[in-house]
Structures are given as structure tokens and as C-alpha cells.
């Protein structure tokens, strides 16, 4: 019983131990906040990447693609059966987008994606990210309606009641200014961010003409280009895609790149698959790769969405690990503080330790006093740190707004991160090992002073005092 009484007394009266408690508290709280924010960012990023990309993608090694997508899809069905819920053929090719705005030409490198929008929507979250200028949801379609045609500058001269020859000329001008083929552009492709007003200025709003330039898929590639009307925007929140991707009708791109056969069929260089939930994507990709290689050697590459974004996901994981190692040093410093303080207490309380041992305290009992004291410091420090860290995480967006108001500048700029608020995710296993690690360090730091105190001989301790 005396061990617990002495631990409680030292905890209440030895104010120098507050330094160690505060160190443990700050270390635990910081690690919980950082891990929760990093986990939130990682989860949001993975969800959005997975939404933009299909579960599994079959890519062609050849620039001209392959002309038998139906046969390839049939082999996929034969290999994995009903584990694939949907498939969509597509073309992906690099190109340049040119937008005319206020007398200037804006040219940007883009990835041109030829798709069937309804089919593409079945293989991922493509449709969920389609919006207009005011971020209202738009359907997955390339249809250029009359409402967009009327946005052409020449449309103000149209008069349906007039039947003079000039109306045909005006109609031609309208069709030139707003082409018949639609395109869905990435949000950042069609806009320029103004940091001074924290606003996106559209240089290609809905109905605007965008010129796409690319090379054909012939043996001797030649430059090609065509005009499209912007019908919607893809805002995924991932700048890598919002600033590069432009979606156009699949058959139109096949025709422009020389990949069509004139009979409604054409070549593609990609097939996107949506897999039933719970399936092992890596194992399925390996199975499909082996089946395709047996029939068409060195033609296809099969990858999961994680494999396509492997370097990015690995970089996030490495960054989180490095941050954990660096932040854990804060708790390690607190451990050295506990070691130093306990060593001072042993020297200061040599006479008291001698009296205790003379009164019958055992070696393990004296050792237990210091180990219990170290555990008590760890429990208080890690407990307060855990509570403070969780409260900070649960109120982080309110704290961010307050800090932004106090400092006069936005702490978390959603124009940079594309998230409306700071994403967080509390992983209780991570919280448990952080708290457990802090307790372990506190106890380990008290072992040597506890052992030193327990080895003091009562007669010698009293003689030297």
C-alpha cells in the first residue's frame, strides 16, 4: 500500500515532473492530430483516385490500340465470370487544348479521353464529379443542346420568323462558334484561379469552343485537330486530373485519329473494368494478365487503380511514416526527462530510501515505487494528450476558421487542396499504439533509477546521509 501512497504524493508535490508530463502530453496530442489528418487526407485521396480510375484497366502497348475490344471483353468474362460488373472501352491520348478568351489563346497540355459517357459512368464515380460553372450536378452526356447553341455570339442575330438567306449564314456561324460535338473538360482546364479574390475565372464556360490537337494513330503519325463545345466540367478535387483531362465522344476521336473502320466499329487502347465489391483486385489483374498474354503476347498491360497510382500512394505512406518517427522523438525526449528527474530523486531521497528499507521495505517494493511513479506520469501525460488530441481533431475545422480570422489569412486554402474542409479520420488502433508507446517509454525511462534505488543498502544509505 505504501508504494501507491508514495507515488500519489510524488505526483502531487514534485512539480518538476510537470515538465515530463507536458512533454508526453504534447507528443501524444501532436501524433494523434497528425495521424488523424494524414489518414483523412489519404482516405479522401484514395476515394477520389478510385472514383476517377476504374478498378482494373487493360491498356494496349501499341499507340494504334486494338480493333477487337468485343473479343477482349469476351475473354475477360470467360476468365473471371460475373466478378466483373461493368466494362467500358476507351481511348487515351496526349494532346493540346487551345481556348480563345479575350483576344488571347490559352494553350494547355491535356490527356484526351475518348469515352461513351453512360458506359464510363458504370465503371466508376465519373458521373458524380460532373458539374456546371456553379457546381450543380450535370448528367454524363456530350449532347450540345439549343441552350448552349444560343450562347454563341452570332446567336443574337437569329430570328426564327425571318426566312431570308442570311439566316442560313448566321446558323453556320453559330455552329462554327459552338460545335456540334461536346466535350467535358477538367475544372482547371477551363478556368484560371485568381488568388487575390480566391475565385476561379472561367476562360471556357459551358458553350465555349475548345480546340483539341493530337496525333493520329497511323504508322506515320500526323497532326490532327478538331473543335468541341464545352458541355460540363469534371471536378474531382485532384488537381492532377482536373488540370489535364478532357473527355470527348469515343467514335469521334476514333474517326479523327484514324482508328475507325467506317462501319461503326473502331480501335481502342483501353478497357476499364468495375469489379464486384470484396474481390482481390491484384489477384484478378494477375489472372486477366495471364489470360490475355496467352492469347495475345506482349499486347496488353493489366493494372489495378492502386498500381497505376503506386508512386503517389507510396509517397503519402512514406511521408506519414517519417512524420511519425520525427514526432515520436518528442515523447522520447520526455522519456529522457523522466530518467533525469528520477535520477535526481534517487540522489535526493537516499536517506528516505534507507529508512524505508530499514523499516522492512523490500527491494522489489522500492523498485515498484519508482516504476509506479513513471507509469503514473505516463498515464497522466498520455491520457491528457489523448483527450486534447481527440478534441482538437473533432473541432479542427472550427479551430481553422478561428485561426484564419485571427491571422487574417486562410490557414487551410481549399483552392490548393480542393477539399471544402480539413479531412480527418480517427483510427483507434493508431491512437492505442501512440498511447501505449508513450506509456512504454515512461516506464522504460524509470527502470534504471528504480533499479539503482532498489540496490541501496539501508545502513550505507543512512551512514552517508
Protein backbone atom coordinates (compact mmCIF):
# COMPACT_ATOMS: atom_id res chain seq x y z
CA UNK A 1 0.00 0.00 0.00
CA UNK A 2 2.88 2.36 0.82
CA UNK A 3 4.02 2.20 -2.81
CA UNK A 4 0.77 3.67 -4.10
CA UNK A 5 0.68 6.33 -1.39
CA UNK A 6 4.21 7.47 -2.20
CA UNK A 7 3.52 7.50 -5.96
CA UNK A 8 0.44 9.65 -5.40
CA UNK A 9 2.33 12.00 -3.07
CA UNK A 10 5.22 12.47 -5.52
CA UNK A 11 2.76 13.02 -8.37
CA UNK A 12 1.05 15.83 -6.43
CA UNK A 13 4.09 17.51 -4.91
CA UNK A 14 7.01 17.03 -7.31
CA UNK A 15 6.18 19.88 -9.71
CA UNK A 16 9.39 19.36 -11.65
CA UNK A 17 7.73 16.24 -13.05
CA UNK A 18 5.23 18.52 -14.78
CA UNK A 19 7.86 19.12 -17.47
CA UNK A 20 7.82 15.43 -18.35
CA UNK A 21 4.03 15.26 -18.20
CA UNK A 22 3.73 18.24 -20.55
CA UNK A 23 6.25 16.70 -22.95
CA UNK A 24 4.34 13.43 -23.05
CA UNK A 25 1.04 15.31 -23.42
CA UNK A 26 2.27 17.41 -26.34
CA UNK A 27 3.87 14.42 -28.04
CA UNK A 28 0.77 12.22 -27.78
CA UNK A 29 -1.60 15.03 -28.81
CA UNK A 30 0.55 16.03 -31.79
CA UNK A 31 0.88 12.47 -33.03
CA UNK A 32 -2.88 11.87 -32.77
CA UNK A 33 -3.67 15.10 -34.66
CA UNK A 34 -1.09 14.49 -37.39
CA UNK A 35 -2.07 10.84 -37.88
CA UNK A 36 -5.78 11.69 -37.98
CA UNK A 37 -5.29 14.46 -40.54
CA UNK A 38 -2.93 12.35 -42.65
CA UNK A 39 -5.35 9.40 -42.51
CA UNK A 40 -8.20 11.71 -43.53
CA UNK A 41 -6.20 13.12 -46.46
CA UNK A 42 -5.12 9.64 -47.51
CA UNK A 43 -8.66 8.25 -47.38
CA UNK A 44 -10.10 11.21 -49.31
CA UNK A 45 -7.34 10.99 -51.89
CA UNK A 46 -7.75 7.23 -52.31
CA UNK A 47 -11.53 7.58 -52.65
CA UNK A 48 -11.20 10.26 -55.31
CA UNK A 49 -8.45 8.43 -57.18
CA UNK A 50 -10.53 5.27 -57.12
CA UNK A 51 -13.53 7.27 -58.34
CA UNK A 52 -11.63 8.76 -61.26
CA UNK A 53 -9.94 5.48 -62.19
CA UNK A 54 -11.73 2.18 -62.72
CA UNK A 55 -10.95 -0.84 -60.53
CA UNK A 56 -8.84 -2.51 -63.24
CA UNK A 57 -7.57 -1.07 -66.51
CA UNK A 58 -6.45 -3.05 -69.56
CA UNK A 59 -4.08 -0.88 -71.61
CA UNK A 60 -2.59 -1.54 -75.02
CA UNK A 61 1.17 -1.23 -75.52
CA UNK A 62 0.57 -0.04 -79.10
CA UNK A 63 -0.37 3.54 -79.94
CA UNK A 64 -2.88 2.38 -82.55
CA UNK A 65 -4.64 0.28 -79.92
CA UNK A 66 -6.54 -2.90 -80.74
CA UNK A 67 -9.53 -3.42 -83.03
CA UNK A 68 -11.14 -6.33 -81.20
CA UNK A 69 -12.47 -4.83 -77.91
CA UNK A 70 -15.52 -7.13 -78.01
CA UNK A 71 -13.27 -10.19 -78.24
CA UNK A 72 -11.11 -8.91 -75.38
CA UNK A 73 -14.20 -8.29 -73.22
CA UNK A 74 -15.44 -11.78 -74.00
CA UNK A 75 -12.13 -13.24 -72.80
CA UNK A 76 -12.41 -11.16 -69.61
CA UNK A 77 -15.89 -12.58 -68.98
CA UNK A 78 -14.61 -16.08 -69.63
CA UNK A 79 -11.65 -15.64 -67.26
CA UNK A 80 -13.34 -14.01 -64.25
CA UNK A 81 -17.04 -14.58 -64.88
CA UNK A 82 -19.59 -12.40 -63.09
CA UNK A 83 -16.96 -10.91 -60.78
CA UNK A 84 -16.80 -8.03 -63.28
CA UNK A 85 -19.90 -5.83 -63.02
CA UNK A 86 -19.23 -3.47 -65.95
CA UNK A 87 -16.72 -2.79 -68.73
CA UNK A 88 -16.16 0.23 -70.97
CA UNK A 89 -13.85 0.72 -73.95
CA UNK A 90 -11.92 3.99 -74.17
CA UNK A 91 -9.12 5.84 -75.91
CA UNK A 92 -6.50 7.82 -74.05
CA UNK A 93 -4.02 10.00 -75.91
CA UNK A 94 -1.95 13.09 -75.06
CA UNK A 95 -2.75 16.35 -76.81
CA UNK A 96 -3.05 20.11 -76.55
CA UNK A 97 -6.12 22.18 -75.73
CA UNK A 98 -6.45 25.71 -77.15
CA UNK A 99 -9.02 28.14 -75.74
CA UNK A 100 -9.66 31.60 -77.19
CA UNK A 101 -10.56 34.14 -74.49
CA UNK A 102 -10.50 37.95 -74.56
CA UNK A 103 -8.45 38.02 -77.73
CA UNK A 104 -5.80 35.64 -76.34
CA UNK A 105 -5.12 31.96 -76.97
CA UNK A 106 -4.63 29.76 -73.90
CA UNK A 107 -2.86 26.51 -74.78
CA UNK A 108 -2.50 23.68 -72.28
CA UNK A 109 -1.21 20.09 -72.40
CA UNK A 110 -4.02 17.64 -71.73
CA UNK A 111 -4.92 13.96 -71.72
CA UNK A 112 -7.72 13.42 -74.23
CA UNK A 113 -10.10 10.61 -73.23
CA UNK A 114 -12.48 9.15 -75.79
CA UNK A 115 -15.38 7.53 -73.93
CA UNK A 116 -19.04 6.60 -74.04
CA UNK A 117 -20.18 8.66 -71.02
CA UNK A 118 -23.02 6.38 -69.92
CA UNK A 119 -20.77 3.32 -70.08
CA UNK A 120 -17.90 5.13 -68.35
CA UNK A 121 -20.24 6.13 -65.52
CA UNK A 122 -20.92 2.45 -64.82
CA UNK A 123 -17.23 1.68 -64.19
CA UNK A 124 -16.57 4.33 -61.53
CA UNK A 125 -17.67 7.61 -59.98
CA UNK A 126 -17.22 9.58 -63.22
CA UNK A 127 -20.81 10.92 -63.20
CA UNK A 128 -20.57 12.13 -59.59
CA UNK A 129 -17.92 14.71 -60.47
CA UNK A 130 -19.71 16.35 -63.44
CA UNK A 131 -20.82 19.91 -62.69
CA UNK A 132 -21.53 23.26 -64.34
CA UNK A 133 -19.93 26.61 -63.51
CA UNK A 134 -21.96 26.87 -60.29
CA UNK A 135 -21.04 23.30 -59.30
CA UNK A 136 -24.51 21.95 -59.95
CA UNK A 137 -24.63 18.30 -60.99
CA UNK A 138 -24.69 17.57 -64.72
CA UNK A 139 -25.64 14.32 -66.48
CA UNK A 140 -22.95 12.19 -68.18
CA UNK A 141 -23.63 13.31 -71.75
CA UNK A 142 -21.92 15.07 -74.66
CA UNK A 143 -25.19 16.46 -76.03
CA UNK A 144 -24.92 20.05 -77.27
CA UNK A 145 -28.41 21.41 -76.74
CA UNK A 146 -30.05 24.55 -78.07
CA UNK A 147 -29.35 26.34 -74.78
CA UNK A 148 -25.62 26.04 -75.49
CA UNK A 149 -26.02 26.99 -79.14
CA UNK A 150 -27.73 30.22 -78.09
CA UNK A 151 -24.61 31.19 -76.17
CA UNK A 152 -22.77 31.74 -79.45
CA UNK A 153 -22.13 35.45 -80.22
CA UNK A 154 -23.84 35.06 -83.59
CA UNK A 155 -26.99 33.65 -81.97
CA UNK A 156 -28.26 37.15 -81.11
CA UNK A 157 -28.89 37.72 -84.81
CA UNK A 158 -31.05 34.63 -85.20
CA UNK A 159 -34.71 35.26 -85.85
CA UNK A 160 -36.88 32.18 -86.39
CA UNK A 161 -39.53 34.32 -88.08
CA UNK A 162 -37.09 35.57 -90.69
CA UNK A 163 -36.74 33.46 -93.85
CA UNK A 164 -34.04 35.34 -95.64
CA UNK A 165 -30.80 33.69 -96.87
CA UNK A 166 -28.78 35.44 -94.19
CA UNK A 167 -30.31 33.19 -91.51
CA UNK A 168 -28.50 30.21 -93.02
CA UNK A 169 -25.23 32.13 -92.83
CA UNK A 170 -25.92 33.02 -89.22
CA UNK A 171 -26.71 29.37 -88.44
CA UNK A 172 -23.38 28.37 -89.93
CA UNK A 173 -21.66 30.95 -87.74
CA UNK A 174 -23.45 29.60 -84.66
CA UNK A 175 -22.37 26.04 -85.49
CA UNK A 176 -18.80 27.25 -86.00
CA UNK A 177 -18.75 29.11 -82.68
CA UNK A 178 -20.48 26.29 -80.76
CA UNK A 179 -19.55 22.96 -82.46
CA UNK A 180 -21.96 20.04 -82.60
CA UNK A 181 -19.63 17.68 -80.72
CA UNK A 182 -19.47 18.16 -76.97
CA UNK A 183 -16.54 17.82 -74.56
CA UNK A 184 -16.27 17.51 -70.79
CA UNK A 185 -13.19 19.33 -69.53
CA UNK A 186 -11.38 19.23 -66.24
CA UNK A 187 -12.35 22.13 -63.97
CA UNK A 188 -8.86 23.65 -64.04
CA UNK A 189 -8.51 23.19 -67.80
CA UNK A 190 -11.40 25.59 -68.35
CA UNK A 191 -10.64 28.06 -65.58
CA UNK A 192 -7.91 30.23 -64.10
CA UNK A 193 -7.65 30.64 -60.34
CA UNK A 194 -7.41 34.20 -59.03
CA UNK A 195 -5.75 34.01 -55.58
CA UNK A 196 -6.35 37.71 -54.90
CA UNK A 197 -10.12 37.18 -54.93
CA UNK A 198 -9.98 33.42 -54.20
CA UNK A 199 -12.13 32.70 -57.21
CA UNK A 200 -11.97 30.62 -60.41
CA UNK A 201 -12.41 32.67 -63.58
CA UNK A 202 -13.73 30.59 -66.48
CA UNK A 203 -11.97 31.06 -69.80
CA UNK A 204 -14.08 28.27 -71.32
CA UNK A 205 -17.58 28.27 -69.79
CA UNK A 206 -20.31 25.94 -70.99
CA UNK A 207 -20.90 26.56 -74.67
CA UNK A 208 -17.36 27.80 -75.32
CA UNK A 209 -15.30 26.30 -78.12
CA UNK A 210 -12.18 24.33 -77.28
CA UNK A 211 -9.75 23.14 -79.96
CA UNK A 212 -8.02 19.82 -79.29
CA UNK A 213 -4.84 18.90 -81.15
CA UNK A 214 -3.24 15.45 -81.18
CA UNK A 215 -1.52 12.96 -83.47
CA UNK A 216 -3.14 10.21 -85.47
CA UNK A 217 -2.64 6.52 -84.76
CA UNK A 218 -1.16 5.71 -88.18
CA UNK A 219 2.24 4.13 -88.74
CA UNK A 220 3.49 7.60 -89.58
CA UNK A 221 1.61 9.82 -87.11
CA UNK A 222 0.30 13.11 -88.43
CA UNK A 223 -1.11 16.11 -86.57
CA UNK A 224 -4.89 16.36 -86.29
CA UNK A 225 -7.29 18.67 -84.52
CA UNK A 226 -10.97 19.39 -84.08
CA UNK A 227 -13.28 21.78 -82.25
CA UNK A 228 -15.63 20.81 -79.44
CA UNK A 229 -18.19 22.65 -77.33
CA UNK A 230 -17.75 22.53 -73.56
CA UNK A 231 -20.87 20.91 -72.07
CA UNK A 232 -19.75 20.21 -68.49
CA UNK A 233 -16.76 20.13 -66.15
CA UNK A 234 -15.16 17.30 -64.21
CA UNK A 235 -14.26 18.45 -60.70
CA UNK A 236 -12.73 15.53 -58.83
CA UNK A 237 -10.69 17.53 -56.35
CA UNK A 238 -7.47 16.00 -57.67
CA UNK A 239 -5.50 18.69 -59.50
CA UNK A 240 -3.59 16.06 -61.49
CA UNK A 241 -6.84 15.17 -63.27
CA UNK A 242 -8.80 18.43 -63.10
CA UNK A 243 -5.97 20.27 -64.85
CA UNK A 244 -5.31 17.73 -67.62
CA UNK A 245 -8.30 15.55 -68.52
CA UNK A 246 -10.66 16.32 -71.40
CA UNK A 247 -13.38 13.81 -72.32
CA UNK A 248 -14.77 13.61 -75.87
CA UNK A 249 -17.06 11.18 -77.74
CA UNK A 250 -15.33 7.88 -78.40
CA UNK A 251 -16.47 7.44 -82.01
CA UNK A 252 -15.49 10.99 -82.91
CA UNK A 253 -11.99 10.51 -81.55
CA UNK A 254 -11.70 7.18 -83.37
CA UNK A 255 -12.61 8.92 -86.61
CA UNK A 256 -10.18 11.81 -86.07
CA UNK A 257 -7.26 9.56 -85.12
CA UNK A 258 -7.87 7.13 -87.96
CA UNK A 259 -8.91 4.33 -85.61
CA UNK A 260 -12.37 3.74 -87.10
CA UNK A 261 -13.29 1.26 -89.83
CA UNK A 262 -16.13 3.26 -91.37
CA UNK A 263 -18.75 0.73 -90.21
CA UNK A 264 -19.33 1.99 -86.70
CA UNK A 265 -16.56 -0.13 -85.23
CA UNK A 266 -13.13 1.09 -84.29
CA UNK A 267 -9.99 0.53 -82.31
CA UNK A 268 -9.49 1.47 -78.66
CA UNK A 269 -6.39 1.40 -76.48
CA UNK A 270 -8.02 0.87 -73.11
CA UNK A 271 -10.76 -1.16 -71.41
CA UNK A 272 -11.93 -0.14 -67.95
CA UNK A 273 -13.43 -2.68 -65.55
CA UNK A 274 -15.59 -2.32 -62.47
CA UNK A 275 -15.20 -5.31 -60.17
CA UNK A 276 -17.65 -6.69 -57.66
CA UNK A 277 -17.02 -5.46 -54.12
CA UNK A 278 -14.85 -7.63 -51.92
CA UNK A 279 -12.79 -9.11 -54.74
CA UNK A 280 -8.99 -9.19 -54.63
CA UNK A 281 -8.11 -6.71 -57.39
CA UNK A 282 -4.42 -7.60 -57.55
CA UNK A 283 -5.16 -11.32 -57.90
CA UNK A 284 -7.80 -10.68 -60.55
CA UNK A 285 -5.47 -8.37 -62.51
CA UNK A 286 -2.82 -11.12 -62.46
CA UNK A 287 -5.35 -13.69 -63.70
CA UNK A 288 -6.50 -11.42 -66.53
CA UNK A 289 -2.92 -10.55 -67.47
CA UNK A 290 -2.01 -14.22 -67.79
CA UNK A 291 -5.12 -14.99 -69.88
CA UNK A 292 -4.55 -12.07 -72.24
CA UNK A 293 -0.83 -12.81 -72.61
CA UNK A 294 -1.52 -16.43 -73.56
CA UNK A 295 -3.76 -15.31 -76.43
CA UNK A 296 -2.12 -12.01 -77.41
CA UNK A 297 1.52 -11.93 -76.18
CA UNK A 298 3.08 -8.51 -75.47
CA UNK A 299 -0.07 -6.58 -76.39
CA UNK A 300 -1.78 -5.74 -73.10
CA UNK A 301 -0.88 -4.43 -69.66
CA UNK A 302 -3.34 -5.07 -66.83
CA UNK A 303 -3.16 -2.87 -63.73
CA UNK A 304 -5.35 -2.06 -60.75
CA UNK A 305 -6.08 1.55 -59.85
CA UNK A 306 -3.61 1.30 -56.96
CA UNK A 307 -0.87 0.03 -59.25
CA UNK A 308 -1.46 2.91 -61.66
CA UNK A 309 -1.08 5.38 -58.79
CA UNK A 310 1.54 3.38 -56.90
CA UNK A 311 4.22 6.12 -56.64
CA UNK A 312 1.74 8.70 -55.32
CA UNK A 313 0.21 6.36 -52.72
CA UNK A 314 3.67 5.14 -51.69
CA UNK A 315 4.89 8.74 -51.28
CA UNK A 316 1.97 9.52 -48.93
CA UNK A 317 2.67 6.38 -46.88
CA UNK A 318 6.40 7.20 -46.61
CA UNK A 319 5.62 10.79 -45.60
CA UNK A 320 3.28 9.60 -42.86
CA UNK A 321 5.88 7.12 -41.56
CA UNK A 322 8.63 9.77 -41.46
CA UNK A 323 6.35 12.20 -39.62
CA UNK A 324 5.53 9.52 -37.05
CA UNK A 325 9.21 8.81 -36.45
CA UNK A 326 10.04 12.51 -36.05
CA UNK A 327 7.10 13.21 -33.76
CA UNK A 328 7.83 10.16 -31.63
CA UNK A 329 11.15 11.80 -30.75
CA UNK A 330 9.13 14.34 -28.74
CA UNK A 331 7.93 11.53 -26.47
CA UNK A 332 11.46 10.10 -26.41
CA UNK A 333 12.73 13.46 -25.13
CA UNK A 334 10.11 13.28 -22.39
CA UNK A 335 11.48 9.83 -21.53
CA UNK A 336 14.99 11.24 -21.06
CA UNK A 337 13.44 13.94 -18.89
CA UNK A 338 11.85 11.30 -16.69
CA UNK A 339 15.20 9.49 -16.49
CA UNK A 340 17.00 12.66 -15.37
CA UNK A 341 14.32 13.64 -12.84
CA UNK A 342 14.16 10.18 -11.32
CA UNK A 343 17.95 10.04 -11.05
CA UNK A 344 17.85 13.33 -9.11
CA UNK A 345 15.10 12.00 -6.85
CA UNK A 346 17.15 8.87 -6.05
CA UNK A 347 20.11 11.04 -5.02
CA UNK A 348 17.88 13.44 -3.08
CA UNK A 349 15.92 10.71 -1.32
CA UNK A 350 18.81 8.37 -0.49
CA UNK A 351 18.17 8.77 3.26
CA UNK A 352 14.42 8.20 2.87
CA UNK A 353 15.07 5.07 0.81
CA UNK A 354 17.41 3.84 3.55
CA UNK A 355 14.73 4.44 6.20
CA UNK A 356 12.14 2.57 4.11
CA UNK A 357 14.42 -0.42 3.66
CA UNK A 358 15.34 -0.34 7.35
CA UNK A 359 11.62 -0.47 8.21
CA UNK A 360 11.21 -3.58 6.07
CA UNK A 361 10.56 -2.35 2.53
CA UNK A 362 11.68 -4.98 0.07
CA UNK A 363 13.94 -4.45 -2.92
CA UNK A 364 11.02 -5.08 -5.29
CA UNK A 365 8.88 -2.68 -3.25
CA UNK A 366 11.36 0.20 -3.61
CA UNK A 367 11.73 -0.63 -7.30
CA UNK A 368 7.94 -0.63 -7.62
CA UNK A 369 7.71 2.91 -6.18
CA UNK A 370 9.76 4.40 -9.00
CA UNK A 371 8.28 2.19 -11.71
CA UNK A 372 4.80 3.09 -10.49
CA UNK A 373 5.74 6.78 -10.44
CA UNK A 374 6.99 6.55 -14.03
CA UNK A 375 3.82 4.72 -15.08
CA UNK A 376 1.73 7.38 -13.32
CA UNK A 377 3.50 10.17 -15.23
CA UNK A 378 2.92 8.27 -18.47
CA UNK A 379 -0.76 7.65 -17.71
CA UNK A 380 -1.44 11.29 -16.84
CA UNK A 381 0.57 12.68 -19.74
CA UNK A 382 -0.74 10.28 -22.38
CA UNK A 383 -4.31 10.49 -21.05
CA UNK A 384 -4.42 14.28 -21.19
CA UNK A 385 -2.63 14.21 -24.55
CA UNK A 386 -5.12 11.71 -25.97
CA UNK A 387 -8.10 13.74 -24.79
CA UNK A 388 -6.60 17.01 -26.05
CA UNK A 389 -5.62 15.50 -29.40
CA UNK A 390 -9.07 14.00 -30.00
CA UNK A 391 -10.82 17.26 -29.05
CA UNK A 392 -8.54 19.14 -31.45
CA UNK A 393 -9.27 16.67 -34.26
CA UNK A 394 -13.03 16.77 -33.73
CA UNK A 395 -13.02 20.58 -33.76
CA UNK A 396 -10.18 21.17 -36.22
CA UNK A 397 -12.29 22.97 -38.82
CA UNK A 398 -13.73 25.36 -36.24
CA UNK A 399 -10.19 25.99 -34.97
CA UNK A 400 -9.01 26.59 -38.55
CA UNK A 401 -11.74 29.19 -39.11
CA UNK A 402 -10.83 30.93 -35.86
CA UNK A 403 -7.12 30.97 -36.71
CA UNK A 404 -7.89 32.28 -40.20
CA UNK A 405 -9.93 35.08 -38.67
CA UNK A 406 -7.24 35.96 -36.13
CA UNK A 407 -4.31 35.87 -38.58
CA UNK A 408 -6.18 37.46 -41.45
CA UNK A 409 -5.20 34.75 -43.91
CA UNK A 410 -6.72 31.38 -44.71
CA UNK A 411 -4.86 28.61 -42.89
CA UNK A 412 -6.38 25.81 -44.99
CA UNK A 413 -6.85 27.05 -48.55
CA UNK A 414 -9.38 24.80 -50.29
CA UNK A 415 -8.21 26.21 -53.63
CA UNK A 416 -4.91 24.39 -53.06
CA UNK A 417 -6.16 21.16 -51.52
CA UNK A 418 -9.57 21.00 -53.26
CA UNK A 419 -11.24 19.83 -50.06
CA UNK A 420 -14.04 22.02 -48.63
CA UNK A 421 -12.75 21.32 -45.11
CA UNK A 422 -9.83 19.60 -43.44
CA UNK A 423 -10.46 15.84 -43.70
CA UNK A 424 -9.78 13.78 -40.60
CA UNK A 425 -10.12 10.14 -39.64
CA UNK A 426 -9.50 8.84 -36.13
CA UNK A 427 -8.02 5.35 -36.30
CA UNK A 428 -8.41 3.90 -32.83
CA UNK A 429 -5.71 1.31 -33.36
CA UNK A 430 -3.26 4.13 -34.12
CA UNK A 431 -4.42 6.06 -31.03
CA UNK A 432 -3.89 2.90 -28.95
CA UNK A 433 -0.32 2.32 -30.10
CA UNK A 434 0.55 6.01 -29.61
CA UNK A 435 -0.72 5.92 -26.02
CA UNK A 436 0.85 2.52 -25.44
CA UNK A 437 4.17 3.75 -26.84
CA UNK A 438 4.13 6.77 -24.53
CA UNK A 439 3.44 4.55 -21.50
CA UNK A 440 6.20 2.15 -22.53
CA UNK A 441 8.76 4.97 -22.86
CA UNK A 442 7.76 6.41 -19.47
CA UNK A 443 8.21 3.02 -17.76
CA UNK A 444 11.46 2.20 -19.58
CA UNK A 445 12.91 5.59 -18.57
CA UNK A 446 12.25 4.82 -14.91
CA UNK A 447 13.79 1.34 -14.89
CA UNK A 448 17.40 2.37 -14.34
CA UNK A 449 16.68 4.85 -11.49
CA UNK A 450 14.30 2.29 -9.91
CA UNK A 451 16.96 -0.43 -10.09
CA UNK A 452 19.57 1.95 -8.64
CA UNK A 453 17.26 2.87 -5.73
CA UNK A 454 16.34 -0.74 -5.01
CA UNK A 455 20.02 -1.72 -4.72
CA UNK A 456 20.77 0.86 -1.99
CA UNK A 457 21.83 -0.79 1.29
CA UNK A 458 19.89 0.70 4.23
CA UNK A 459 22.93 1.02 6.56
CA UNK A 460 25.13 2.60 3.91
CA UNK A 461 22.32 4.92 2.80
CA UNK A 462 21.82 6.15 6.37
CA UNK A 463 25.58 6.36 7.11
CA UNK A 464 26.33 8.60 4.13
CA UNK A 465 23.39 10.82 4.90
